C-alpha atoms as a PDB file:
ATOM      1  CA  MET A   1      16.086   6.438  10.781  1.00  0.00           C
ATOM      2  CA  PRO A   2      12.645   7.673  11.957  1.00  0.00           C
ATOM      3  CA  LEU A   3       9.521   6.368  10.248  1.00  0.00           C
ATOM      4  CA  ASN A   4       7.759   8.726   7.848  1.00  0.00           C
ATOM      5  CA  LYS A   5       4.455   9.762   9.361  1.00  0.00           C
ATOM      6  CA  VAL A   6       1.200   8.541   7.818  1.00  0.00           C
ATOM      7  CA  SER A   7      -2.005  10.511   8.385  1.00  0.00           C
ATOM      8  CA  VAL A   8      -5.170   8.502   7.760  1.00  0.00           C
ATOM      9  CA  VAL A   9      -8.225  10.442   6.572  1.00  0.00           C
ATOM     10  CA  ILE A  10     -11.714   8.927   6.823  1.00  0.00           C
ATOM     11  CA  CYS A  11     -14.567  11.041   5.461  1.00  0.00           C
ATOM     12  CA  THR A  12     -18.057  10.232   6.714  1.00  0.00           C
ATOM     13  CA  ARG A  13     -21.619  11.516   6.717  1.00  0.00           C
ATOM     14  CA  ASN A  14     -24.467  10.042   8.799  1.00  0.00           C
ATOM     15  CA  ARG A  15     -22.979   6.543   9.024  1.00  0.00           C
ATOM     16  CA  ALA A  16     -22.579   6.110  12.762  1.00  0.00           C
ATOM     17  CA  ASP A  17     -23.695   2.482  12.407  1.00  0.00           C
ATOM     18  CA  MET A  18     -20.660   1.750  10.188  1.00  0.00           C
ATOM     19  CA  ILE A  19     -17.841   4.096  11.207  1.00  0.00           C
ATOM     20  CA  GLU A  20     -16.866   2.248  14.403  1.00  0.00           C
ATOM     21  CA  MET A  21     -15.601  -0.848  12.592  1.00  0.00           C
ATOM     22  CA  ALA A  22     -13.434   1.331  10.356  1.00  0.00           C
ATOM     23  CA  ILE A  23     -11.965   3.222  13.315  1.00  0.00           C
ATOM     24  CA  LYS A  24     -11.172   0.025  15.214  1.00  0.00           C
ATOM     25  CA  SER A  25      -9.415  -1.562  12.259  1.00  0.00           C
ATOM     26  CA  VAL A  26      -7.246   1.480  11.476  1.00  0.00           C
ATOM     27  CA  LEU A  27      -6.257   2.038  15.111  1.00  0.00           C
ATOM     28  CA  GLY A  28      -5.267  -1.627  15.176  1.00  0.00           C
ATOM     29  CA  CYS A  29      -2.601  -1.141  12.498  1.00  0.00           C
ATOM     30  CA  SER A  30       0.926  -2.032  13.580  1.00  0.00           C
ATOM     31  CA  TYR A  31       2.828   0.884  12.008  1.00  0.00           C
ATOM     32  CA  GLY A  32       4.734   3.005  14.515  1.00  0.00           C
ATOM     33  CA  ASN A  33       3.987   6.563  13.379  1.00  0.00           C
ATOM     34  CA  PHE A  34       0.447   7.465  12.330  1.00  0.00           C
ATOM     35  CA  ASP A  35      -2.662   9.352  13.316  1.00  0.00           C
ATOM     36  CA  VAL A  36      -6.307   9.104  12.197  1.00  0.00           C
ATOM     37  CA  HIS A  37      -8.526  12.035  11.249  1.00  0.00           C
ATOM     38  CA  ILE A  38     -12.304  11.630  11.066  1.00  0.00           C
ATOM     39  CA  MET A  39     -13.785  14.233   8.726  1.00  0.00           C
ATOM     40  CA  ASP A  40     -17.434  14.231   9.790  1.00  0.00           C
ATOM     41  CA  GLN A  41     -20.178  15.945   7.780  1.00  0.00           C
ATOM     42  CA  SER A  42     -23.009  14.307   9.720  1.00  0.00           C
ATOM     43  CA  THR A  43     -26.209  16.108  10.622  1.00  0.00           C
ATOM     44  CA  ASP A  44     -26.237  14.560  14.109  1.00  0.00           C
ATOM     45  CA  ASP A  45     -23.725  13.874  16.915  1.00  0.00           C
ATOM     46  CA  LEU A  46     -23.729  10.068  16.754  1.00  0.00           C
ATOM     47  CA  THR A  47     -20.406   9.778  14.917  1.00  0.00           C
ATOM     48  CA  LYS A  48     -18.850  12.407  17.177  1.00  0.00           C
ATOM     49  CA  ASP A  49     -19.917  10.431  20.250  1.00  0.00           C
ATOM     50  CA  ILE A  50     -18.283   7.255  18.916  1.00  0.00           C
ATOM     51  CA  VAL A  51     -15.034   9.044  18.104  1.00  0.00           C
ATOM     52  CA  GLN A  52     -14.879  10.731  21.509  1.00  0.00           C
ATOM     53  CA  ARG A  53     -15.293   7.366  23.210  1.00  0.00           C
ATOM     54  CA  TYR A  54     -12.243   6.000  21.383  1.00  0.00           C
ATOM     55  CA  GLN A  55     -10.285   9.216  21.950  1.00  0.00           C
ATOM     56  CA  GLN A  56     -10.357   8.559  25.699  1.00  0.00           C
ATOM     57  CA  ASN A  57      -7.872   5.732  25.164  1.00  0.00           C
ATOM     58  CA  ASP A  58      -6.088   6.738  21.967  1.00  0.00           C
ATOM     59  CA  SER A  59      -4.740  10.221  21.291  1.00  0.00           C
ATOM     60  CA  ARG A  60      -3.929   9.303  17.687  1.00  0.00           C
ATOM     61  CA  LEU A  61      -7.625   9.704  16.827  1.00  0.00           C
ATOM     62  CA  ILE A  62      -8.676  13.254  15.923  1.00  0.00           C
ATOM     63  CA  TYR A  63     -12.204  14.482  15.155  1.00  0.00           C
ATOM     64  CA  HIS A  64     -13.212  17.285  12.775  1.00  0.00           C
ATOM     65  CA  HIS A  65     -16.772  18.399  12.084  1.00  0.00           C
ATOM     66  CA  LEU A  66     -17.386  20.023   8.694  1.00  0.00           C
ATOM     67  CA  PRO A  67     -20.655  21.983   8.388  1.00  0.00           C
ATOM     68  CA  LYS A  68     -20.618  22.092   4.569  1.00  0.00           C
ATOM     69  CA  PRO A  69     -21.080  18.931   2.477  1.00  0.00           C
ATOM     70  CA  GLY A  70     -18.870  17.530  -0.267  1.00  0.00           C
ATOM     71  CA  LEU A  71     -16.505  14.571  -0.321  1.00  0.00           C
ATOM     72  CA  SER A  72     -13.792  16.352  -2.306  1.00  0.00           C
ATOM     73  CA  ARG A  73     -13.973  19.351   0.018  1.00  0.00           C
ATOM     74  CA  SER A  74     -13.695  16.993   2.981  1.00  0.00           C
ATOM     75  CA  TYR A  75     -10.553  15.344   1.585  1.00  0.00           C
ATOM     76  CA  ASN A  76      -8.950  18.704   0.854  1.00  0.00           C
ATOM     77  CA  ILE A  77      -9.605  19.936   4.370  1.00  0.00           C
ATOM     78  CA  GLY A  78      -8.302  16.616   5.664  1.00  0.00           C
ATOM     79  CA  LYS A  79      -5.016  17.214   3.913  1.00  0.00           C
ATOM     80  CA  GLU A  80      -4.772  20.704   5.418  1.00  0.00           C
ATOM     81  CA  VAL A  81      -5.382  19.605   9.019  1.00  0.00           C
ATOM     82  CA  THR A  82      -2.916  16.691   8.883  1.00  0.00           C
ATOM     83  CA  ASP A  83       0.872  16.715   8.897  1.00  0.00           C
ATOM     84  CA  GLY A  84       1.770  13.241   7.661  1.00  0.00           C
ATOM     85  CA  ASP A  85       4.348  12.763   4.921  1.00  0.00           C
ATOM     86  CA  TYR A  86       1.856  10.327   3.398  1.00  0.00           C
ATOM     87  CA  ILE A  87      -1.940  10.662   3.504  1.00  0.00           C
ATOM     88  CA  ALA A  88      -3.853   7.378   3.480  1.00  0.00           C
ATOM     89  CA  CYS A  89      -7.558   7.388   2.680  1.00  0.00           C
ATOM     90  CA  THR A  90     -10.221   4.801   3.322  1.00  0.00           C
ATOM     91  CA  ASP A  91     -13.999   4.780   3.735  1.00  0.00           C
ATOM     92  CA  ASP A  92     -16.267   4.534   6.741  1.00  0.00           C
ATOM     93  CA  ASP A  93     -17.556   1.138   5.530  1.00  0.00           C
ATOM     94  CA  VAL A  94     -14.125  -0.492   5.172  1.00  0.00           C
ATOM     95  CA  ILE A  95     -12.048  -2.743   7.408  1.00  0.00           C
ATOM     96  CA  VAL A  96      -8.287  -2.581   6.886  1.00  0.00           C
ATOM     97  CA  PRO A  97      -5.748  -5.281   7.843  1.00  0.00           C
ATOM     98  CA  GLU A  98      -3.086  -4.777  10.511  1.00  0.00           C
ATOM     99  CA  ASN A  99      -0.351  -4.187   7.913  1.00  0.00           C
ATOM    100  CA  TRP A 100      -2.333  -1.667   5.840  1.00  0.00           C
ATOM    101  CA  ILE A 101      -0.449   1.463   6.900  1.00  0.00           C
ATOM    102  CA  SER A 102       2.966  -0.203   6.951  1.00  0.00           C
ATOM    103  CA  SER A 103       2.351  -1.511   3.420  1.00  0.00           C
ATOM    104  CA  ILE A 104       1.547   2.006   2.190  1.00  0.00           C
ATOM    105  CA  ALA A 105       4.579   3.559   3.887  1.00  0.00           C
ATOM    106  CA  SER A 106       6.907   0.848   2.611  1.00  0.00           C
ATOM    107  CA  ARG A 107       5.761   1.330  -0.978  1.00  0.00           C
ATOM    108  CA  PHE A 108       6.205   5.106  -0.846  1.00  0.00           C
ATOM    109  CA  ASP A 109       9.595   4.733   0.871  1.00  0.00           C
ATOM    110  CA  SER A 110      10.782   2.379  -1.867  1.00  0.00           C
ATOM    111  CA  ASP A 111      10.320   4.864  -4.726  1.00  0.00           C
ATOM    112  CA  PRO A 112      10.268   8.672  -4.349  1.00  0.00           C
ATOM    113  CA  GLU A 113       8.522   9.025  -7.730  1.00  0.00           C
ATOM    114  CA  ILE A 114       5.371   7.297  -6.497  1.00  0.00           C
ATOM    115  CA  GLY A 115       2.806  10.019  -5.863  1.00  0.00           C
ATOM    116  CA  MET A 116      -0.306   7.900  -5.357  1.00  0.00           C
ATOM    117  CA  ILE A 117      -1.056   4.304  -4.424  1.00  0.00           C
ATOM    118  CA  TYR A 118      -4.241   2.405  -5.157  1.00  0.00           C
ATOM    119  CA  GLY A 119      -4.763  -0.881  -3.320  1.00  0.00           C
ATOM    120  CA  GLN A 120      -7.329  -3.592  -3.838  1.00  0.00           C
ATOM    121  CA  VAL A 121     -10.887  -3.240  -2.510  1.00  0.00           C
ATOM    122  CA  CYS A 122     -12.214  -6.721  -1.793  1.00  0.00           C
ATOM    123  CA  ILE A 123     -15.547  -8.354  -1.002  1.00  0.00           C
ATOM    124  CA  PRO A 124     -15.277  -9.814   2.516  1.00  0.00           C
ATOM    125  CA  ASP A 125     -16.107 -13.460   3.118  1.00  0.00           C
ATOM    126  CA  ALA A 126     -18.843 -12.355   5.525  1.00  0.00           C
ATOM    127  CA  LEU A 127     -20.819 -10.904   2.601  1.00  0.00           C
ATOM    128  CA  ALA A 128     -20.358 -13.811   0.192  1.00  0.00           C
ATOM    129  CA  SER A 129     -23.816 -15.287   0.794  1.00  0.00           C
ATOM    130  CA  ILE A 130     -25.732 -12.054   0.202  1.00  0.00           C
ATOM    131  CA  VAL A 131     -23.669 -11.317  -2.913  1.00  0.00           C
ATOM    132  CA  GLU A 132     -24.814 -14.678  -4.256  1.00  0.00           C
ATOM    133  CA  GLN A 133     -28.386 -13.464  -3.684  1.00  0.00           C
ATOM    134  CA  GLY A 134     -27.844 -10.375  -5.851  1.00  0.00           C
ATOM    135  CA  VAL A 135     -26.606  -7.726  -3.401  1.00  0.00           C
ATOM    136  CA  VAL A 136     -23.826  -5.655  -4.986  1.00  0.00           C
ATOM    137  CA  VAL A 137     -20.581  -4.824  -3.187  1.00  0.00           C
ATOM    138  CA  PRO A 138     -18.406  -2.415  -5.217  1.00  0.00           C
ATOM    139  CA  ALA A 139     -14.922  -3.914  -5.384  1.00  0.00           C
ATOM    140  CA  LEU A 140     -11.770  -3.791  -7.505  1.00  0.00           C
ATOM    141  CA  MET A 141      -9.164  -6.542  -7.610  1.00  0.00           C
ATOM    142  CA  TRP A 142      -6.151  -7.379  -9.772  1.00  0.00           C
ATOM    143  CA  ASP A 143      -2.977  -9.432  -9.454  1.00  0.00           C
ATOM    144  CA  LYS A 144      -0.072  -7.494 -11.009  1.00  0.00           C
ATOM    145  CA  LEU A 145       1.843  -4.470  -9.723  1.00  0.00           C
ATOM    146  CA  GLU A 146       1.668  -1.530 -12.149  1.00  0.00           C
ATOM    147  CA  LEU A 147       3.434   1.843 -12.269  1.00  0.00           C
ATOM    148  CA  HIS A 148       1.999   4.543 -14.502  1.00  0.00           C
ATOM    149  CA  HIS A 149       4.206   7.548 -15.261  1.00  0.00           C
ATOM    150  CA  ARG A 150       3.836  10.472 -17.651  1.00  0.00           C
ATOM    151  CA  ARG A 151       7.183   9.865 -19.324  1.00  0.00           C
ATOM    152  CA  ARG A 152       5.993   6.367 -20.207  1.00  0.00           C
ATOM    153  CA  GLY A 153       2.657   7.600 -21.500  1.00  0.00           C
ATOM    154  CA  ASN A 154       0.931   4.625 -19.908  1.00  0.00           C
ATOM    155  CA  TYR A 155      -1.820   6.232 -17.829  1.00  0.00           C
ATOM    156  CA  ARG A 156      -5.115   4.411 -17.393  1.00  0.00           C
ATOM    157  CA  THR A 157      -8.103   5.152 -15.216  1.00  0.00           C
ATOM    158  CA  PHE A 158      -8.114   2.536 -12.464  1.00  0.00           C
ATOM    159  CA  GLY A 159      -8.530   2.483  -8.704  1.00  0.00           C
ATOM    160  CA  MET A 160     -10.985   3.135  -5.871  1.00  0.00           C
ATOM    161  CA  GLY A 161     -10.658   5.858  -3.264  1.00  0.00           C
ATOM    162  CA  ALA A 162     -11.679   3.391  -0.538  1.00  0.00           C
ATOM    163  CA  ASN A 163      -8.073   2.207  -0.556  1.00  0.00           C
ATOM    164  CA  SER A 164      -5.766   4.980  -1.697  1.00  0.00           C
ATOM    165  CA  ALA A 165      -2.814   6.989  -0.424  1.00  0.00           C
ATOM    166  CA  VAL A 166      -1.032  10.126  -1.607  1.00  0.00           C
ATOM    167  CA  ARG A 167       2.430  11.551  -1.000  1.00  0.00           C
ATOM    168  CA  ARG A 168       1.950  15.050   0.434  1.00  0.00           C
ATOM    169  CA  THR A 169       4.245  16.678  -2.139  1.00  0.00           C
ATOM    170  CA  ALA A 170       2.235  15.042  -4.940  1.00  0.00           C
ATOM    171  CA  TRP A 171      -1.029  16.291  -3.434  1.00  0.00           C
ATOM    172  CA  ASP A 172       0.373  19.820  -3.363  1.00  0.00           C
ATOM    173  CA  ALA A 173       1.648  19.598  -6.940  1.00  0.00           C
ATOM    174  CA  SER A 174      -1.690  18.311  -8.270  1.00  0.00           C
ATOM    175  CA  GLY A 175      -3.906  20.965  -6.694  1.00  0.00           C
ATOM    176  CA  GLY A 176      -5.902  18.457  -4.637  1.00  0.00           C
ATOM    177  CA  TYR A 177      -9.400  17.129  -5.239  1.00  0.00           C
ATOM    178  CA  ASP A 178     -11.665  19.027  -7.644  1.00  0.00           C
ATOM    179  CA  GLU A 179     -14.489  20.289  -5.423  1.00  0.00           C
ATOM    180  CA  VAL A 180     -16.972  20.505  -8.307  1.00  0.00           C
ATOM    181  CA  MET A 181     -16.677  16.705  -8.603  1.00  0.00           C
ATOM    182  CA  GLY A 182     -17.540  13.865  -6.226  1.00  0.00           C
ATOM    183  CA  VAL A 183     -20.286  12.947  -3.780  1.00  0.00           C
ATOM    184  CA  GLY A 184     -22.113  16.025  -2.556  1.00  0.00           C
ATOM    185  CA  ALA A 185     -20.936  18.137  -5.515  1.00  0.00           C
ATOM    186  CA  PRO A 186     -22.647  19.105  -8.797  1.00  0.00           C
ATOM    187  CA  LEU A 187     -20.766  16.591 -10.953  1.00  0.00           C
ATOM    188  CA  ARG A 188     -21.356  13.706  -8.535  1.00  0.00           C
ATOM    189  CA  GLY A 189     -18.450  11.326  -9.041  1.00  0.00           C
ATOM    190  CA  SER A 190     -15.044  10.382 -10.500  1.00  0.00           C
ATOM    191  CA  GLN A 191     -13.156  12.730  -8.179  1.00  0.00           C
ATOM    192  CA  ASP A 192     -10.627   9.965  -7.462  1.00  0.00           C
ATOM    193  CA  SER A 193      -9.846   9.340 -11.128  1.00  0.00           C
ATOM    194  CA  ASP A 194      -9.560  13.063 -11.779  1.00  0.00           C
ATOM    195  CA  PHE A 195      -7.216  13.515  -8.804  1.00  0.00           C
ATOM    196  CA  ALA A 196      -5.030  10.589  -9.876  1.00  0.00           C
ATOM    197  CA  TYR A 197      -4.694  11.937 -13.410  1.00  0.00           C
ATOM    198  CA  ARG A 198      -3.533  15.347 -12.176  1.00  0.00           C
ATOM    199  CA  ILE A 199      -0.938  13.651  -9.938  1.00  0.00           C
ATOM    200  CA  TYR A 200       0.254  11.702 -12.985  1.00  0.00           C
ATOM    201  CA  HIS A 201       0.209  14.895 -15.073  1.00  0.00           C
ATOM    202  CA  ALA A 202       2.359  16.609 -12.416  1.00  0.00           C
ATOM    203  CA  GLY A 203       5.113  14.052 -13.042  1.00  0.00           C
ATOM    204  CA  PHE A 204       4.529  11.450 -10.330  1.00  0.00           C
ATOM    205  CA  SER A 205       3.867   7.738 -10.704  1.00  0.00           C
ATOM    206  CA  ILE A 206       0.540   6.102  -9.933  1.00  0.00           C
ATOM    207  CA  CYS A 207       1.130   2.721  -8.285  1.00  0.00           C
ATOM    208  CA  LEU A 208      -1.480  -0.052  -8.502  1.00  0.00           C
ATOM    209  CA  ASP A 209      -0.448  -2.319  -5.649  1.00  0.00           C
ATOM    210  CA  PRO A 210      -2.253  -5.690  -5.393  1.00  0.00           C
ATOM    211  CA  GLU A 211      -0.366  -6.540  -2.192  1.00  0.00           C
ATOM    212  CA  ASN A 212      -2.332  -3.840  -0.365  1.00  0.00           C
ATOM    213  CA  SER A 213      -5.988  -4.743   0.190  1.00  0.00           C
ATOM    214  CA  VAL A 214      -8.996  -3.843   2.336  1.00  0.00           C
ATOM    215  CA  ASP A 215     -12.476  -5.331   2.829  1.00  0.00           C
ATOM    216  CA  HIS A 216     -15.468  -3.279   1.703  1.00  0.00           C
ATOM    217  CA  TYR A 217     -18.767  -3.608   3.604  1.00  0.00           C
ATOM    218  CA  GLY A 218     -20.714  -1.002   1.626  1.00  0.00           C
ATOM    219  CA  THR A 219     -23.572  -2.824  -0.122  1.00  0.00           C
ATOM    220  CA  ARG A 220     -26.206  -1.927  -2.701  1.00  0.00           C
ATOM    221  CA  LEU A 221     -29.434  -3.798  -3.222  1.00  0.00           C
ATOM    222  CA  PRO A 222     -30.176  -4.764  -6.844  1.00  0.00           C
ATOM    223  CA  GLU A 223     -32.767  -1.990  -7.098  1.00  0.00           C
ATOM    224  CA  GLN A 224     -30.203   0.563  -5.863  1.00  0.00           C
ATOM    225  CA  TRP A 225     -27.477  -0.401  -8.317  1.00  0.00           C
ATOM    226  CA  PRO A 226     -28.882   1.472 -11.362  1.00  0.00           C
ATOM    227  CA  ASP A 227     -28.753   4.731  -9.371  1.00  0.00           C
ATOM    228  CA  THR A 228     -25.150   3.984  -8.410  1.00  0.00           C
ATOM    229  CA  LEU A 229     -24.296   3.368 -12.066  1.00  0.00           C
ATOM    230  CA  LEU A 230     -26.051   6.634 -12.928  1.00  0.00           C
ATOM    231  CA  ASN A 231     -23.726   8.543 -10.615  1.00  0.00           C
ATOM    232  CA  TYR A 232     -20.671   6.665 -11.885  1.00  0.00           C
ATOM    233  CA  GLY A 233     -21.609   7.521 -15.459  1.00  0.00           C
ATOM    234  CA  PHE A 234     -22.406  11.141 -14.614  1.00  0.00           C
ATOM    235  CA  GLY A 235     -19.040  11.585 -12.922  1.00  0.00           C
ATOM    236  CA  ASP A 236     -17.135   9.847 -15.720  1.00  0.00           C
ATOM    237  CA  GLY A 237     -18.782  12.100 -18.289  1.00  0.00           C
ATOM    238  CA  ALA A 238     -17.517  15.130 -16.363  1.00  0.00           C
ATOM    239  CA  TYR A 239     -14.080  13.573 -15.886  1.00  0.00           C
ATOM    240  CA  TYR A 240     -13.422  12.558 -19.489  1.00  0.00           C
ATOM    241  CA  GLY A 241     -15.212  15.648 -20.766  1.00  0.00           C
ATOM    242  CA  LYS A 242     -12.938  17.987 -18.824  1.00  0.00           C
ATOM    243  CA  TYR A 243      -9.788  16.686 -20.469  1.00  0.00           C
ATOM    244  CA  ALA A 244     -11.392  16.231 -23.885  1.00  0.00           C
ATOM    245  CA  ARG A 245     -12.198  19.964 -23.812  1.00  0.00           C
ATOM    246  CA  LEU A 246      -8.548  20.630 -22.997  1.00  0.00           C
ATOM    247  CA  GLY A 247      -7.419  18.508 -25.952  1.00  0.00           C
ATOM    248  CA  HIS A 248      -5.993  15.527 -24.046  1.00  0.00           C
ATOM    249  CA  ALA A 249      -6.016  12.721 -26.600  1.00  0.00           C
ATOM    250  CA  TRP A 250      -6.597   9.868 -24.117  1.00  0.00           C
ATOM    251  CA  ALA A 251      -9.827  11.490 -22.905  1.00  0.00           C
ATOM    252  CA  ILE A 252     -11.102  12.048 -26.447  1.00  0.00           C
ATOM    253  CA  ARG A 253     -10.424   8.383 -27.225  1.00  0.00           C
ATOM    254  CA  ALA A 254     -12.156   7.274 -24.012  1.00  0.00           C
ATOM    255  CA  LEU A 255     -15.290   9.296 -24.774  1.00  0.00           C
ATOM    256  CA  ALA A 256     -15.377   7.978 -28.336  1.00  0.00           C
ATOM    257  CA  TYR A 257     -15.012   4.391 -27.128  1.00  0.00           C
ATOM    258  CA  LYS A 258     -17.774   4.718 -24.552  1.00  0.00           C
ATOM    259  CA  ALA A 259     -20.070   6.381 -27.102  1.00  0.00           C
ATOM    260  CA  LEU A 260     -19.425   3.464 -29.462  1.00  0.00           C
ATOM    261  CA  ARG A 261     -20.190   0.924 -26.709  1.00  0.00           C
ATOM    262  CA  PHE A 262     -23.419   2.723 -25.856  1.00  0.00           C
ATOM    263  CA  GLY A 263     -24.450   2.822 -29.522  1.00  0.00           C
ATOM    264  CA  MET A 264     -23.727  -0.880 -29.993  1.00  0.00           C
ATOM    265  CA  LEU A 265     -25.752  -1.821 -26.893  1.00  0.00           C
ATOM    266  CA  ASN A 266     -28.709   0.268 -28.043  1.00  0.00           C
ATOM    267  CA  ALA A 267     -28.547  -1.245 -31.525  1.00  0.00           C
ATOM    268  CA  ALA A 268     -28.406  -4.781 -30.117  1.00  0.00           C
ATOM    269  CA  MET A 269     -31.501  -4.136 -28.024  1.00  0.00           C
ATOM    270  CA  ARG A 270     -33.409  -2.590 -30.912  1.00  0.00           C
ATOM    271  CA  ILE A 271     -32.891  -5.612 -33.150  1.00  0.00           C
ATOM    272  CA  GLY A 272     -33.567  -8.066 -30.341  1.00  0.00           C
ATOM    273  CA  LEU A 273     -30.083  -9.453 -29.769  1.00  0.00           C
ATOM    274  CA  LYS A 274     -30.270  -8.193 -26.188  1.00  0.00           C
ATOM    275  CA  LYS A 275     -33.378  -7.643 -24.101  1.00  0.00           C
ATOM    276  CA  THR A 276     -31.638  -5.230 -21.764  1.00  0.00           C
ATOM    277  CA  ASN A 277     -28.238  -4.447 -20.303  1.00  0.00           C
ATOM    278  CA  GLY A 278     -27.407  -3.489 -16.726  1.00  0.00           C
ATOM    279  CA  ASN A 279     -24.794  -0.952 -17.841  1.00  0.00           C
ATOM    280  CA  ILE A 280     -27.222   1.230 -19.790  1.00  0.00           C
ATOM    281  CA  PRO A 281     -27.686   3.725 -16.888  1.00  0.00           C
ATOM    282  CA  TYR A 282     -23.909   4.167 -16.785  1.00  0.00           C
ATOM    283  CA  PHE A 283     -23.438   4.821 -20.499  1.00  0.00           C
ATOM    284  CA  LYS A 284     -26.540   6.998 -20.791  1.00  0.00           C
ATOM    285  CA  ASN A 285     -25.437   9.274 -17.972  1.00  0.00           C
ATOM    286  CA  ILE A 286     -21.951   9.760 -19.344  1.00  0.00           C
ATOM    287  CA  VAL A 287     -23.703  12.006 -21.863  1.00  0.00           C
ATOM    288  CA  THR A 288     -25.653  13.737 -19.068  1.00  0.00           C
ATOM    289  CA  GLY A 289     -22.501  14.335 -17.027  1.00  0.00           C
ATOM    290  CA  TRP A 290     -20.618  15.620 -20.058  1.00  0.00           C
ATOM    291  CA  LYS A 291     -23.402  18.107 -20.827  1.00  0.00           C
ATOM    292  CA  LYS A 292     -23.606  19.281 -17.215  1.00  0.00           C
ATOM    293  CA  SER A 293     -19.839  19.708 -17.027  1.00  0.00           C
ATOM    294  CA  LYS A 294     -19.916  22.182 -19.894  1.00  0.00           C
ATOM    295  CA  GLU A 295     -21.690  24.611 -17.562  1.00  0.00           C
ATOM    296  CA  TYR A 296     -18.346  24.986 -15.767  1.00  0.00           C
ATOM    297  CA  ASP A 297     -15.178  26.596 -17.025  1.00  0.00           C
ATOM    298  CA  VAL A 298     -11.893  24.730 -16.557  1.00  0.00           C
ATOM    299  CA  ASP A 299      -8.698  26.430 -15.420  1.00  0.00           C
ATOM    300  CA  PRO A 300      -6.134  25.246 -18.014  1.00  0.00           C
ATOM    301  CA  LYS A 301      -3.262  25.703 -15.549  1.00  0.00           C
ATOM    302  CA  THR A 302      -4.651  23.840 -12.541  1.00  0.00           C
ATOM    303  CA  LEU A 303      -6.915  21.488 -14.554  1.00  0.00           C
ATOM    304  CA  LEU A 304      -9.668  22.178 -12.018  1.00  0.00           C
ATOM    305  CA  TYR A 305     -13.289  23.093 -12.679  1.00  0.00           C
ATOM    306  CA  ILE A 306     -14.121  26.627 -11.564  1.00  0.00           C
ATOM    307  CA  PRO A 307     -16.936  26.346  -8.972  1.00  0.00           C
ATOM    308  CA  LYS A 308     -20.041  28.483  -8.762  1.00  0.00           C
ATOM    309  CA  GLU A 309     -21.200  30.185  -5.595  1.00  0.00           C
ATOM    310  CA  ALA A 310     -24.635  28.545  -5.857  1.00  0.00           C
ATOM    311  CA  ASP A 311     -23.162  25.033  -5.770  1.00  0.00           C
ATOM    312  CA  LYS A 312     -21.575  25.168  -2.343  1.00  0.00           C
ATOM    313  CA  ASP A 313     -24.366  23.428  -0.445  1.00  0.00           C
ATOM    314  CA  ILE A 314     -25.466  20.831  -2.993  1.00  0.00           C
ATOM    315  CA  VAL A 315     -25.823  17.286  -1.664  1.00  0.00           C
ATOM    316  CA  ASN A 316     -26.645  14.298  -3.861  1.00  0.00           C
ATOM    317  CA  ALA A 317     -27.385  10.671  -3.006  1.00  0.00           C
ATOM    318  CA  ALA A 318     -24.384   9.072  -4.683  1.00  0.00           C
ATOM    319  CA  ASN A 319     -23.232   7.595  -1.377  1.00  0.00           C
ATOM    320  CA  SER A 320     -26.472   5.719  -0.680  1.00  0.00           C
ATOM    321  CA  VAL A 321     -25.524   2.459   1.025  1.00  0.00           C
ATOM    322  CA  THR A 322     -27.649  -0.349   2.414  1.00  0.00           C
ATOM    323  CA  ARG A 323     -27.154  -1.054   6.109  1.00  0.00           C
ATOM    324  CA  ILE A 324     -26.420  -4.739   6.654  1.00  0.00           C
ATOM    325  CA  ALA A 325     -25.313  -5.866  10.102  1.00  0.00           C
ATOM    326  CA  VAL A 326     -22.224  -8.060   9.917  1.00  0.00           C
ATOM    327  CA  LYS A 327     -20.259  -9.446  12.849  1.00  0.00           C
ATOM    328  CA  THR A 328     -16.552  -8.699  12.378  1.00  0.00           C
END
């Protein structure tokens, strides 16, 4: 029986100093039927030059230049230009293990109801010393396999797009990424969570697979982290706010819980129980993101925000990453 094809999509913008390690690791995967698509929104040709150098020896690598910005737009175009049964996504600052693609394909093959897989995003050993000094590496790790399905009513927001994969039929059923959300878009973030929920809502399972893991080399200095939290909070406000407006009970509960947490933190600081809290930028900007999201109508059938013409070329700094040279 032939192997189901996996198309890997890597979106990038002006990170020529990081993309090569990602390309090398993905091309080194042992699975027998895959290709790799670089969705490049860079303002120079440095990434293109790197890709073309690797293309000379590997026809599985395919380059696409996208003149308009937006991470969600880039993923949606990536889906359209690929033909894999499964679409695996990782970031330009990630190194994947040799069995990464085979692990994804095996999990999808094992259960036709699985529409999306999230794997672990780990802090590599090479960055351990700088993490001890206060540098932040966004990561997400857990130890138990989970399947979330609508008929079980057990959905929860969890997962990072740096290690994710989608069954093509589930992508089609969900409507794809919301292009008003995510890096380079007006609502800044949480496009992955929003996408996963619509896959779940379409009747597929979301699989949290701890046996699938990648190493993340994207770092933030301590002074950069508040801005990252700002964008996370902004995006979450738009994400939860969308479904709260549509009457989805889980989103209403989530907003209420986060509002309560924010209120308790503020109260604790006012009476001196806490001097400060590093999560304040996140909670504060949930409100900002929720307010901004109300400027956009939501299509109740597709569950997508309706974009505005003026937003098409917006770029924000949510993907700001510190460059740290690491030998791999």
